[in-house]
Structures are given as C-alpha cells and as structure tokens.
N, C-alpha and C. Protein backbone atom coordinates (compact mmCIF):
# COMPACT_ATOMS: atom_id res chain seq x y z
N MET A 1 140.70 -111.82 275.53
CA MET A 1 141.55 -110.73 275.08
C MET A 1 140.90 -110.09 273.86
N GLY A 2 140.77 -108.78 273.82
CA GLY A 2 140.12 -108.10 272.70
C GLY A 2 141.14 -107.56 271.72
N GLY A 3 140.64 -106.99 270.64
CA GLY A 3 141.49 -106.37 269.64
C GLY A 3 142.07 -107.36 268.67
N SER A 4 143.02 -106.89 267.90
CA SER A 4 143.68 -107.76 266.94
C SER A 4 145.14 -107.38 266.87
N GLY A 5 145.93 -108.28 266.35
CA GLY A 5 147.34 -107.99 266.19
C GLY A 5 148.15 -109.25 266.38
N PRO A 6 149.47 -109.13 266.18
CA PRO A 6 150.31 -110.32 266.28
C PRO A 6 150.44 -110.77 267.73
N ASP A 7 150.47 -112.08 267.93
CA ASP A 7 150.77 -112.62 269.25
C ASP A 7 152.25 -112.40 269.50
N ARG A 8 152.61 -112.35 270.75
CA ARG A 8 154.04 -112.25 271.08
C ARG A 8 154.70 -113.59 270.79
N PRO A 9 155.88 -113.58 270.14
CA PRO A 9 156.56 -114.85 269.87
C PRO A 9 157.10 -115.44 271.16
N LEU A 10 157.24 -116.75 271.21
CA LEU A 10 157.89 -117.40 272.32
C LEU A 10 159.35 -116.96 272.35
N ALA A 11 159.96 -117.02 273.50
CA ALA A 11 161.33 -116.53 273.65
C ALA A 11 162.31 -117.20 272.69
N ASN A 12 162.12 -118.49 272.42
CA ASN A 12 163.06 -119.22 271.57
C ASN A 12 162.53 -119.43 270.16
N GLU A 13 161.45 -118.74 269.79
CA GLU A 13 160.80 -118.95 268.50
C GLU A 13 161.46 -118.09 267.41
N ASP A 14 161.80 -118.71 266.27
CA ASP A 14 162.30 -117.95 265.13
C ASP A 14 161.15 -117.18 264.52
N THR A 15 161.38 -115.94 264.14
CA THR A 15 160.30 -115.14 263.58
C THR A 15 160.62 -114.53 262.23
N CYS A 16 161.89 -114.57 261.78
CA CYS A 16 162.17 -113.95 260.49
C CYS A 16 163.40 -114.55 259.82
N VAL A 17 163.47 -114.27 258.52
CA VAL A 17 164.60 -114.64 257.67
C VAL A 17 165.01 -113.38 256.95
N VAL A 18 166.32 -113.15 256.85
CA VAL A 18 166.81 -112.02 256.06
C VAL A 18 167.47 -112.61 254.82
N THR A 19 166.98 -112.19 253.65
CA THR A 19 167.48 -112.72 252.39
C THR A 19 168.83 -112.08 252.03
N THR A 20 169.52 -112.67 251.06
CA THR A 20 170.81 -112.11 250.65
C THR A 20 170.65 -110.74 250.00
N CYS A 21 169.45 -110.42 249.51
CA CYS A 21 169.23 -109.08 248.94
C CYS A 21 168.75 -108.09 250.00
N GLY A 22 168.71 -108.52 251.27
CA GLY A 22 168.43 -107.60 252.36
C GLY A 22 166.98 -107.50 252.81
N ARG A 23 166.09 -108.24 252.19
CA ARG A 23 164.69 -108.19 252.63
C ARG A 23 164.50 -109.08 253.85
N LYS A 24 163.78 -108.54 254.81
CA LYS A 24 163.45 -109.31 256.01
C LYS A 24 162.04 -109.86 255.86
N ILE A 25 161.90 -111.18 255.95
CA ILE A 25 160.60 -111.84 255.86
C ILE A 25 160.25 -112.31 257.27
N ALA A 26 159.26 -111.66 257.86
CA ALA A 26 158.84 -111.97 259.23
C ALA A 26 157.56 -112.80 259.20
N VAL A 27 157.46 -113.72 260.14
CA VAL A 27 156.28 -114.56 260.29
C VAL A 27 155.67 -114.29 261.67
N HIS A 28 154.38 -114.01 261.68
CA HIS A 28 153.68 -113.72 262.93
C HIS A 28 152.36 -114.48 262.98
N ARG A 29 151.95 -114.82 264.17
CA ARG A 29 150.60 -115.38 264.37
C ARG A 29 149.66 -114.23 264.66
N LEU A 30 148.50 -114.25 264.02
CA LEU A 30 147.48 -113.23 264.27
C LEU A 30 146.28 -113.88 264.93
N ARG A 31 145.73 -113.23 265.90
CA ARG A 31 144.48 -113.67 266.53
C ARG A 31 143.52 -112.50 266.44
N LEU A 32 142.43 -112.70 265.74
CA LEU A 32 141.40 -111.68 265.63
C LEU A 32 140.27 -112.05 266.59
N ALA A 33 140.02 -111.17 267.53
CA ALA A 33 138.99 -111.45 268.54
C ALA A 33 137.62 -111.11 267.98
N VAL A 34 136.88 -112.14 267.66
CA VAL A 34 135.51 -112.00 267.20
C VAL A 34 134.64 -112.62 268.29
N ALA A 35 133.55 -111.96 268.62
CA ALA A 35 132.74 -112.38 269.76
C ALA A 35 132.35 -113.86 269.72
N ASP A 36 131.85 -114.36 268.60
CA ASP A 36 131.36 -115.74 268.57
C ASP A 36 132.42 -116.78 268.21
N ARG A 37 133.50 -116.38 267.53
CA ARG A 37 134.57 -117.33 267.23
C ARG A 37 135.85 -116.58 266.87
N PRO A 38 136.91 -116.84 267.61
CA PRO A 38 138.18 -116.18 267.29
C PRO A 38 138.73 -116.71 265.96
N ILE A 39 139.44 -115.85 265.26
CA ILE A 39 140.03 -116.20 263.97
C ILE A 39 141.55 -116.18 264.13
N GLY A 40 142.20 -117.27 263.71
CA GLY A 40 143.65 -117.34 263.75
C GLY A 40 144.22 -117.34 262.34
N ARG A 41 145.27 -116.58 262.13
CA ARG A 41 145.93 -116.51 260.84
C ARG A 41 147.44 -116.43 261.06
N LEU A 42 148.17 -116.71 260.01
CA LEU A 42 149.61 -116.48 259.98
C LEU A 42 149.84 -115.32 259.03
N ALA A 43 150.72 -114.43 259.40
CA ALA A 43 151.02 -113.29 258.54
C ALA A 43 152.48 -113.34 258.12
N LEU A 44 152.71 -113.14 256.83
CA LEU A 44 154.05 -112.99 256.29
C LEU A 44 154.24 -111.52 255.95
N ASP A 45 155.29 -110.93 256.46
CA ASP A 45 155.57 -109.53 256.21
C ASP A 45 156.94 -109.44 255.54
N VAL A 46 156.94 -109.08 254.26
CA VAL A 46 158.19 -108.92 253.51
C VAL A 46 158.55 -107.45 253.57
N GLY A 47 159.62 -107.14 254.28
CA GLY A 47 160.02 -105.76 254.49
C GLY A 47 160.61 -105.12 253.25
N GLU A 48 160.94 -103.85 253.39
CA GLU A 48 161.51 -103.11 252.26
C GLU A 48 162.89 -103.64 251.91
N ASP A 49 163.29 -103.39 250.67
CA ASP A 49 164.61 -103.85 250.24
C ASP A 49 165.67 -102.81 250.63
N ARG A 50 166.91 -103.09 250.30
CA ARG A 50 168.01 -102.18 250.67
C ARG A 50 167.83 -100.79 250.09
N GLY A 51 167.18 -100.71 248.95
CA GLY A 51 166.96 -99.41 248.31
C GLY A 51 165.76 -98.66 248.88
N GLY A 52 165.05 -99.27 249.82
CA GLY A 52 163.90 -98.61 250.43
C GLY A 52 162.58 -98.87 249.73
N ASP A 53 162.60 -99.72 248.68
CA ASP A 53 161.34 -100.05 248.02
C ASP A 53 160.47 -100.82 249.01
N PRO A 54 159.17 -100.49 249.05
CA PRO A 54 158.29 -101.12 250.05
C PRO A 54 158.12 -102.61 249.83
N GLY A 55 157.79 -103.30 250.90
CA GLY A 55 157.56 -104.73 250.85
C GLY A 55 156.08 -105.03 250.67
N ALA A 56 155.68 -106.20 251.13
CA ALA A 56 154.31 -106.65 251.01
C ALA A 56 154.00 -107.55 252.20
N TRP A 57 152.73 -107.89 252.36
CA TRP A 57 152.37 -108.83 253.41
C TRP A 57 151.23 -109.70 252.91
N ALA A 58 151.06 -110.84 253.57
CA ALA A 58 149.97 -111.75 253.24
C ALA A 58 149.49 -112.39 254.54
N SER A 59 148.20 -112.62 254.61
CA SER A 59 147.58 -113.31 255.74
C SER A 59 147.11 -114.67 255.25
N LEU A 60 147.52 -115.74 255.96
CA LEU A 60 147.23 -117.11 255.52
C LEU A 60 146.52 -117.89 256.62
N THR A 61 145.64 -118.78 256.20
CA THR A 61 145.09 -119.75 257.14
C THR A 61 146.17 -120.79 257.42
N ALA A 62 145.95 -121.63 258.42
CA ALA A 62 146.92 -122.68 258.72
C ALA A 62 147.10 -123.61 257.52
N ASP A 63 146.01 -123.99 256.86
CA ASP A 63 146.11 -124.86 255.68
C ASP A 63 146.87 -124.18 254.54
N GLU A 64 146.62 -122.90 254.33
CA GLU A 64 147.34 -122.16 253.28
C GLU A 64 148.83 -122.08 253.61
N ALA A 65 149.16 -121.89 254.87
CA ALA A 65 150.57 -121.83 255.28
C ALA A 65 151.25 -123.18 255.05
N ARG A 66 150.55 -124.27 255.35
CA ARG A 66 151.11 -125.60 255.10
C ARG A 66 151.35 -125.84 253.61
N GLU A 67 150.41 -125.40 252.77
CA GLU A 67 150.56 -125.55 251.32
C GLU A 67 151.74 -124.72 250.82
N LEU A 68 151.87 -123.50 251.32
CA LEU A 68 153.01 -122.67 250.95
C LEU A 68 154.32 -123.32 251.39
N ALA A 69 154.35 -123.86 252.60
CA ALA A 69 155.55 -124.55 253.08
C ALA A 69 155.89 -125.74 252.18
N ARG A 70 154.89 -126.51 251.79
CA ARG A 70 155.10 -127.65 250.90
C ARG A 70 155.72 -127.20 249.58
N LEU A 71 155.16 -126.14 249.01
CA LEU A 71 155.68 -125.63 247.74
C LEU A 71 157.10 -125.08 247.88
N LEU A 72 157.37 -124.38 248.97
CA LEU A 72 158.72 -123.87 249.18
C LEU A 72 159.73 -125.00 249.30
N LEU A 73 159.39 -126.05 250.05
CA LEU A 73 160.29 -127.20 250.19
C LEU A 73 160.49 -127.92 248.86
N LEU A 74 159.41 -128.10 248.12
CA LEU A 74 159.50 -128.75 246.81
C LEU A 74 160.44 -127.98 245.90
N HIS A 75 160.24 -126.67 245.81
CA HIS A 75 161.05 -125.86 244.90
C HIS A 75 162.48 -125.69 245.40
N ALA A 76 162.68 -125.71 246.71
CA ALA A 76 164.05 -125.69 247.23
C ALA A 76 164.80 -126.94 246.79
N ASP A 77 164.14 -128.09 246.89
CA ASP A 77 164.76 -129.34 246.44
C ASP A 77 165.07 -129.29 244.94
N LEU A 78 164.12 -128.82 244.15
CA LEU A 78 164.34 -128.73 242.69
C LEU A 78 165.48 -127.77 242.36
N THR A 79 165.56 -126.69 243.10
CA THR A 79 166.63 -125.70 242.87
C THR A 79 167.99 -126.30 243.19
N GLU A 80 168.07 -127.01 244.32
CA GLU A 80 169.33 -127.67 244.68
C GLU A 80 169.71 -128.73 243.64
N GLN A 81 168.74 -129.51 243.19
CA GLN A 81 169.01 -130.54 242.19
C GLN A 81 169.51 -129.91 240.89
N GLY A 82 168.89 -128.80 240.51
CA GLY A 82 169.30 -128.11 239.29
C GLY A 82 170.70 -127.55 239.40
N ALA A 83 171.06 -127.03 240.58
CA ALA A 83 172.41 -126.49 240.77
C ALA A 83 173.44 -127.61 240.72
N THR A 84 173.10 -128.77 241.26
CA THR A 84 174.02 -129.91 241.23
C THR A 84 174.18 -130.44 239.80
N ALA A 85 173.08 -130.48 239.04
CA ALA A 85 173.13 -130.99 237.67
C ALA A 85 173.94 -130.09 236.76
N GLU A 86 173.99 -128.79 237.04
CA GLU A 86 174.69 -127.84 236.19
C GLU A 86 176.19 -127.89 236.39
N LYS A 87 176.65 -128.47 237.50
CA LYS A 87 178.10 -128.49 237.78
C LYS A 87 178.83 -129.48 236.93
C-alpha cells in the first residue's frame, strides 16, 4: 500500500477522548510507506477548543507513546491522591 495517512480504526477501537473543556484528543496509527522499510507512528491530534482556538498534534514512536502513557498514569494517580488528601 502506498502513500501515507492514518490507518482505519477497528470497528470496536476507541479513537478519541473529549475533555471537559471541549477539546477532542484523537489517537491514530500512521503508516508511512517507504520503499525499503515502512515507518509506523502514533499520532495525537488535539482539536480546537470551544472558542475555536486551534489545537496541536504530535507524532510518536511506539516507545514514546508507552512513555507518555506511563507518565499520564503516574500523574493521574498523583492527582487522585492529592484530591483525596485535600478532603
């Protein structure tokens, strides 16, 4: 398959989260067709906010995505612990 772009998600695959402030964070797999070796990446696309301010995107390797996931889980736990301690 030639070209580049997001792979189609599986029918039951989650692809986005909508934050309480209205930003949609979408996750896509990218496959870049290079003749000698295909390149796979994960893309995060943070959409515009409710006011129409533009979003951002990032392309990550599988290892970078795992590190980001680790940090998100770590900080989610710390945030929950902090909210419990403040009560």
